[in-house]
Every structure is written in C-alpha cells, then in structure tokens.
Amino acid sequence: MTVANPGQSQSASNQAITALVLGILSAICCNLLGPVAWYLGVQERKAIREGRSPLAGDSLALIGMILGIIGTIFLVIGLFWIFALGGMAVLQGLMAASQQ
C-alpha cells in the first residue's frame, strides 16, 4: 500500500483555471465570454467526474461555470434591452440632446 506524500498535491488543470478567468471577466466587463466560461466549466467538471482531470480543479471549474452563467444572464439582458426595448434609440436620443 502506498501513501501519497502530503507535500505533493495535484494542481488544477489549465481548463479549470481558464473557466475561472473567463467567468470573472464575463461577470465584470465582457459578457460575451459568459457562454464560453459556462461551457468550459461544465466540460471540466465532466472530465473531473470521469477521472480525466485532477480533482483540485473542481471548485475553480464550478466558480467559473457559475460566473459564466451570471455573465450570460447579463448578456441576454443587454441584448434584450438593445433590441426589444429600443436601447439604441435611447442612446441616439441622448447623443442628439448632448450635441445641441
């Protein structure tokens, strides 16, 4: 029986870290990255469950996935505002008023 050395721990995979970074960016500034972060988080958690990726990245992938969902929600709200509620017309009206 072999015992793992406690000093050697597995690190998170690159895909889990990428999902986290894209999730943070999607929730803060670039909502277009939300669906990508969501997809990468789901794929990485699937790989972890199947044993193809280290378990250390599970929480990072989960957080990236959740932030990706939040970013996607912001993206959908923004697109709805632009196309359905006339957001572009509001912005044009503001621009016209500021030029006079």
N, C-alpha and C. Protein backbone atom coordinates (compact mmCIF):
# COMPACT_ATOMS: atom_id res chain seq x y z
N MET A 1 0.84 -1.18 0.00
CA MET A 1 0.00 0.00 0.00
C MET A 1 0.88 1.23 0.00
N THR A 2 0.60 2.15 -0.90
CA THR A 2 1.38 3.39 -0.97
C THR A 2 0.55 4.54 -0.44
N VAL A 3 1.22 5.40 0.24
CA VAL A 3 0.57 6.58 0.81
C VAL A 3 1.09 7.80 0.06
N ALA A 4 0.17 8.63 -0.37
CA ALA A 4 0.57 9.83 -1.10
C ALA A 4 1.27 10.80 -0.17
N ASN A 5 2.28 11.42 -0.68
CA ASN A 5 3.02 12.41 0.08
C ASN A 5 2.16 13.66 0.22
N PRO A 6 1.89 14.10 1.46
CA PRO A 6 1.03 15.27 1.63
C PRO A 6 1.63 16.55 1.04
N GLY A 7 2.94 16.59 0.87
CA GLY A 7 3.58 17.77 0.30
C GLY A 7 3.34 17.90 -1.20
N GLN A 8 2.99 16.79 -1.85
CA GLN A 8 2.74 16.82 -3.28
C GLN A 8 1.24 16.77 -3.52
N SER A 9 0.70 17.89 -3.88
CA SER A 9 -0.73 17.92 -4.18
C SER A 9 -0.90 18.22 -5.66
N GLN A 10 -1.97 17.72 -6.21
CA GLN A 10 -2.24 17.98 -7.62
C GLN A 10 -2.72 19.41 -7.77
N SER A 11 -2.36 20.00 -8.88
CA SER A 11 -2.83 21.35 -9.14
C SER A 11 -3.99 21.29 -10.14
N ALA A 12 -4.72 22.35 -10.19
CA ALA A 12 -5.88 22.42 -11.09
C ALA A 12 -5.42 22.42 -12.54
N SER A 13 -6.25 21.90 -13.40
CA SER A 13 -5.90 21.87 -14.82
C SER A 13 -6.02 23.26 -15.43
N ASN A 14 -5.43 23.42 -16.59
CA ASN A 14 -5.49 24.71 -17.29
C ASN A 14 -6.91 25.07 -17.68
N GLN A 15 -7.72 24.07 -18.00
CA GLN A 15 -9.09 24.36 -18.42
C GLN A 15 -9.92 24.89 -17.25
N ALA A 16 -9.68 24.39 -16.04
CA ALA A 16 -10.40 24.89 -14.87
C ALA A 16 -10.01 26.34 -14.59
N ILE A 17 -8.72 26.63 -14.71
CA ILE A 17 -8.25 27.99 -14.49
C ILE A 17 -8.79 28.93 -15.57
N THR A 18 -8.81 28.46 -16.80
CA THR A 18 -9.35 29.26 -17.90
C THR A 18 -10.83 29.55 -17.69
N ALA A 19 -11.59 28.55 -17.25
CA ALA A 19 -13.01 28.76 -16.97
C ALA A 19 -13.20 29.82 -15.89
N LEU A 20 -12.36 29.77 -14.86
CA LEU A 20 -12.46 30.75 -13.79
C LEU A 20 -12.14 32.16 -14.28
N VAL A 21 -11.06 32.31 -15.02
CA VAL A 21 -10.66 33.64 -15.51
C VAL A 21 -11.71 34.20 -16.46
N LEU A 22 -12.19 33.37 -17.39
CA LEU A 22 -13.23 33.85 -18.32
C LEU A 22 -14.52 34.16 -17.58
N GLY A 23 -14.83 33.38 -16.56
CA GLY A 23 -16.03 33.66 -15.76
C GLY A 23 -15.94 34.99 -15.04
N ILE A 24 -14.77 35.28 -14.49
CA ILE A 24 -14.58 36.57 -13.81
C ILE A 24 -14.72 37.71 -14.81
N LEU A 25 -14.05 37.58 -15.95
CA LEU A 25 -14.14 38.63 -16.97
C LEU A 25 -15.56 38.81 -17.49
N SER A 26 -16.30 37.70 -17.63
CA SER A 26 -17.66 37.81 -18.15
C SER A 26 -18.59 38.49 -17.16
N ALA A 27 -18.37 38.26 -15.88
CA ALA A 27 -19.25 38.88 -14.88
C ALA A 27 -18.91 40.35 -14.66
N ILE A 28 -17.66 40.73 -14.93
CA ILE A 28 -17.24 42.10 -14.65
C ILE A 28 -17.38 43.01 -15.87
N CYS A 29 -16.82 42.58 -17.01
CA CYS A 29 -16.75 43.55 -18.11
C CYS A 29 -17.13 43.02 -19.48
N CYS A 30 -16.86 41.79 -19.79
CA CYS A 30 -17.06 41.31 -21.15
C CYS A 30 -18.05 40.14 -21.15
N ASN A 31 -19.31 40.47 -21.26
CA ASN A 31 -20.36 39.46 -21.14
C ASN A 31 -20.32 38.41 -22.24
N LEU A 32 -19.68 38.72 -23.36
CA LEU A 32 -19.59 37.75 -24.46
C LEU A 32 -18.80 36.50 -24.06
N LEU A 33 -17.99 36.60 -23.03
CA LEU A 33 -17.21 35.45 -22.57
C LEU A 33 -18.01 34.53 -21.65
N GLY A 34 -19.20 34.95 -21.24
CA GLY A 34 -20.03 34.17 -20.33
C GLY A 34 -20.34 32.77 -20.83
N PRO A 35 -20.88 32.63 -22.03
CA PRO A 35 -21.19 31.28 -22.51
C PRO A 35 -19.94 30.40 -22.65
N VAL A 36 -18.81 30.99 -22.99
CA VAL A 36 -17.57 30.22 -23.12
C VAL A 36 -17.14 29.70 -21.75
N ALA A 37 -17.17 30.57 -20.74
CA ALA A 37 -16.81 30.15 -19.39
C ALA A 37 -17.75 29.08 -18.87
N TRP A 38 -19.02 29.24 -19.15
CA TRP A 38 -20.03 28.27 -18.73
C TRP A 38 -19.74 26.92 -19.36
N TYR A 39 -19.49 26.91 -20.65
CA TYR A 39 -19.20 25.66 -21.37
C TYR A 39 -17.91 25.00 -20.85
N LEU A 40 -16.85 25.79 -20.69
CA LEU A 40 -15.59 25.22 -20.21
C LEU A 40 -15.73 24.65 -18.80
N GLY A 41 -16.49 25.35 -17.95
CA GLY A 41 -16.71 24.86 -16.58
C GLY A 41 -17.45 23.54 -16.57
N VAL A 42 -18.47 23.43 -17.40
CA VAL A 42 -19.25 22.18 -17.48
C VAL A 42 -18.37 21.04 -18.00
N GLN A 43 -17.59 21.32 -19.05
CA GLN A 43 -16.73 20.28 -19.63
C GLN A 43 -15.65 19.84 -18.65
N GLU A 44 -15.08 20.77 -17.92
CA GLU A 44 -14.03 20.42 -16.96
C GLU A 44 -14.60 19.61 -15.79
N ARG A 45 -15.76 19.98 -15.30
CA ARG A 45 -16.37 19.21 -14.21
C ARG A 45 -16.72 17.80 -14.68
N LYS A 46 -17.13 17.67 -15.93
CA LYS A 46 -17.41 16.35 -16.50
C LYS A 46 -16.11 15.53 -16.57
N ALA A 47 -15.02 16.17 -16.99
CA ALA A 47 -13.73 15.48 -17.06
C ALA A 47 -13.25 15.07 -15.68
N ILE A 48 -13.52 15.88 -14.67
CA ILE A 48 -13.12 15.55 -13.30
C ILE A 48 -13.92 14.35 -12.80
N ARG A 49 -15.22 14.35 -13.07
CA ARG A 49 -16.05 13.20 -12.64
C ARG A 49 -15.60 11.91 -13.31
N GLU A 50 -15.14 12.00 -14.57
CA GLU A 50 -14.69 10.81 -15.30
C GLU A 50 -13.26 10.44 -14.97
N GLY A 51 -12.57 11.26 -14.18
CA GLY A 51 -11.21 10.95 -13.78
C GLY A 51 -10.14 11.38 -14.78
N ARG A 52 -10.49 12.18 -15.75
CA ARG A 52 -9.52 12.63 -16.76
C ARG A 52 -8.79 13.90 -16.33
N SER A 53 -9.28 14.60 -15.32
CA SER A 53 -8.66 15.82 -14.82
C SER A 53 -8.52 15.72 -13.31
N PRO A 54 -7.57 16.46 -12.74
CA PRO A 54 -7.38 16.39 -11.28
C PRO A 54 -8.55 17.00 -10.52
N LEU A 55 -8.81 16.43 -9.38
CA LEU A 55 -9.92 16.86 -8.53
C LEU A 55 -9.71 18.28 -7.99
N ALA A 56 -8.47 18.73 -7.96
CA ALA A 56 -8.16 20.06 -7.42
C ALA A 56 -8.83 21.18 -8.20
N GLY A 57 -9.18 20.95 -9.45
CA GLY A 57 -9.79 22.00 -10.26
C GLY A 57 -11.30 22.06 -10.18
N ASP A 58 -11.92 21.19 -9.38
CA ASP A 58 -13.38 21.15 -9.34
C ASP A 58 -14.00 22.45 -8.86
N SER A 59 -13.48 23.01 -7.78
CA SER A 59 -14.07 24.24 -7.25
C SER A 59 -13.82 25.41 -8.20
N LEU A 60 -12.65 25.44 -8.84
CA LEU A 60 -12.38 26.51 -9.80
C LEU A 60 -13.32 26.42 -11.00
N ALA A 61 -13.53 25.19 -11.49
CA ALA A 61 -14.43 24.99 -12.62
C ALA A 61 -15.86 25.36 -12.25
N LEU A 62 -16.27 25.02 -11.03
CA LEU A 62 -17.62 25.35 -10.57
C LEU A 62 -17.82 26.85 -10.47
N ILE A 63 -16.86 27.55 -9.90
CA ILE A 63 -16.96 29.00 -9.78
C ILE A 63 -16.96 29.65 -11.16
N GLY A 64 -16.09 29.17 -12.06
CA GLY A 64 -16.07 29.68 -13.42
C GLY A 64 -17.38 29.45 -14.14
N MET A 65 -17.98 28.28 -13.91
CA MET A 65 -19.25 27.96 -14.53
C MET A 65 -20.36 28.89 -14.01
N ILE A 66 -20.40 29.12 -12.70
CA ILE A 66 -21.42 29.98 -12.11
C ILE A 66 -21.25 31.42 -12.59
N LEU A 67 -20.01 31.91 -12.61
CA LEU A 67 -19.78 33.26 -13.11
C LEU A 67 -20.09 33.36 -14.60
N GLY A 68 -19.86 32.29 -15.34
CA GLY A 68 -20.23 32.25 -16.75
C GLY A 68 -21.74 32.34 -16.94
N ILE A 69 -22.47 31.68 -16.06
CA ILE A 69 -23.94 31.76 -16.11
C ILE A 69 -24.39 33.19 -15.82
N ILE A 70 -23.77 33.82 -14.83
CA ILE A 70 -24.11 35.21 -14.50
C ILE A 70 -23.78 36.14 -15.67
N GLY A 71 -22.61 35.94 -16.27
CA GLY A 71 -22.24 36.74 -17.43
C GLY A 71 -23.18 36.54 -18.60
N THR A 72 -23.64 35.30 -18.79
CA THR A 72 -24.59 35.01 -19.87
C THR A 72 -25.93 35.69 -19.60
N ILE A 73 -26.35 35.71 -18.36
CA ILE A 73 -27.60 36.40 -18.00
C ILE A 73 -27.47 37.89 -18.30
N PHE A 74 -26.33 38.48 -17.93
CA PHE A 74 -26.11 39.90 -18.24
C PHE A 74 -26.11 40.14 -19.75
N LEU A 75 -25.54 39.22 -20.50
CA LEU A 75 -25.51 39.33 -21.96
C LEU A 75 -26.92 39.31 -22.54
N VAL A 76 -27.74 38.39 -22.06
CA VAL A 76 -29.12 38.27 -22.55
C VAL A 76 -29.92 39.52 -22.19
N ILE A 77 -29.74 40.03 -20.98
CA ILE A 77 -30.45 41.25 -20.57
C ILE A 77 -30.01 42.42 -21.43
N GLY A 78 -28.71 42.53 -21.70
CA GLY A 78 -28.22 43.62 -22.54
C GLY A 78 -28.75 43.53 -23.95
N LEU A 79 -28.75 42.34 -24.53
CA LEU A 79 -29.28 42.19 -25.88
C LEU A 79 -30.78 42.46 -25.92
N PHE A 80 -31.49 42.04 -24.89
CA PHE A 80 -32.93 42.31 -24.82
C PHE A 80 -33.17 43.82 -24.74
N TRP A 81 -32.36 44.53 -23.96
CA TRP A 81 -32.51 45.97 -23.84
C TRP A 81 -32.25 46.65 -25.18
N ILE A 82 -31.22 46.21 -25.87
CA ILE A 82 -30.86 46.84 -27.15
C ILE A 82 -31.93 46.61 -28.21
N PHE A 83 -32.36 45.35 -28.34
CA PHE A 83 -33.25 45.03 -29.46
C PHE A 83 -34.73 45.15 -29.14
N ALA A 84 -35.16 44.82 -27.95
CA ALA A 84 -36.59 44.81 -27.66
C ALA A 84 -37.08 46.11 -27.03
N LEU A 85 -36.26 46.73 -26.22
CA LEU A 85 -36.73 47.92 -25.52
C LEU A 85 -36.24 49.21 -26.16
N GLY A 86 -35.62 49.11 -27.30
CA GLY A 86 -35.19 50.32 -28.00
C GLY A 86 -34.01 51.01 -27.37
N GLY A 87 -33.10 50.25 -26.83
CA GLY A 87 -31.93 50.83 -26.18
C GLY A 87 -31.10 51.69 -27.11
N MET A 88 -31.02 51.32 -28.36
CA MET A 88 -30.26 52.12 -29.32
C MET A 88 -30.94 53.46 -29.56
N ALA A 89 -32.26 53.48 -29.58
CA ALA A 89 -33.00 54.73 -29.77
C ALA A 89 -32.77 55.66 -28.57
N VAL A 90 -32.73 55.08 -27.38
CA VAL A 90 -32.48 55.89 -26.19
C VAL A 90 -31.09 56.50 -26.27
N LEU A 91 -30.10 55.71 -26.65
CA LEU A 91 -28.74 56.23 -26.76
C LEU A 91 -28.62 57.31 -27.84
N GLN A 92 -29.32 57.11 -28.96
CA GLN A 92 -29.30 58.13 -30.02
C GLN A 92 -29.94 59.42 -29.55
N GLY A 93 -31.01 59.31 -28.79
CA GLY A 93 -31.67 60.49 -28.25
C GLY A 93 -30.76 61.23 -27.28
N LEU A 94 -30.05 60.50 -26.47
CA LEU A 94 -29.11 61.13 -25.54
C LEU A 94 -27.96 61.82 -26.27
N MET A 95 -27.48 61.17 -27.32
CA MET A 95 -26.40 61.76 -28.10
C MET A 95 -26.87 63.03 -28.81
N ALA A 96 -28.08 63.02 -29.36
CA ALA A 96 -28.62 64.18 -30.06
C ALA A 96 -28.83 65.33 -29.08
N ALA A 97 -29.28 65.02 -27.89
CA ALA A 97 -29.52 66.06 -26.88
C ALA A 97 -28.21 66.67 -26.40
N SER A 98 -27.16 65.88 -26.32
CA SER A 98 -25.89 66.40 -25.83
C SER A 98 -25.16 67.24 -26.87
N GLN A 99 -25.50 67.06 -28.17
CA GLN A 99 -24.85 67.82 -29.22
C GLN A 99 -25.50 69.19 -29.43
N GLN A 100 -26.67 69.40 -28.89
CA GLN A 100 -27.36 70.69 -29.09
C GLN A 100 -27.00 71.67 -28.02
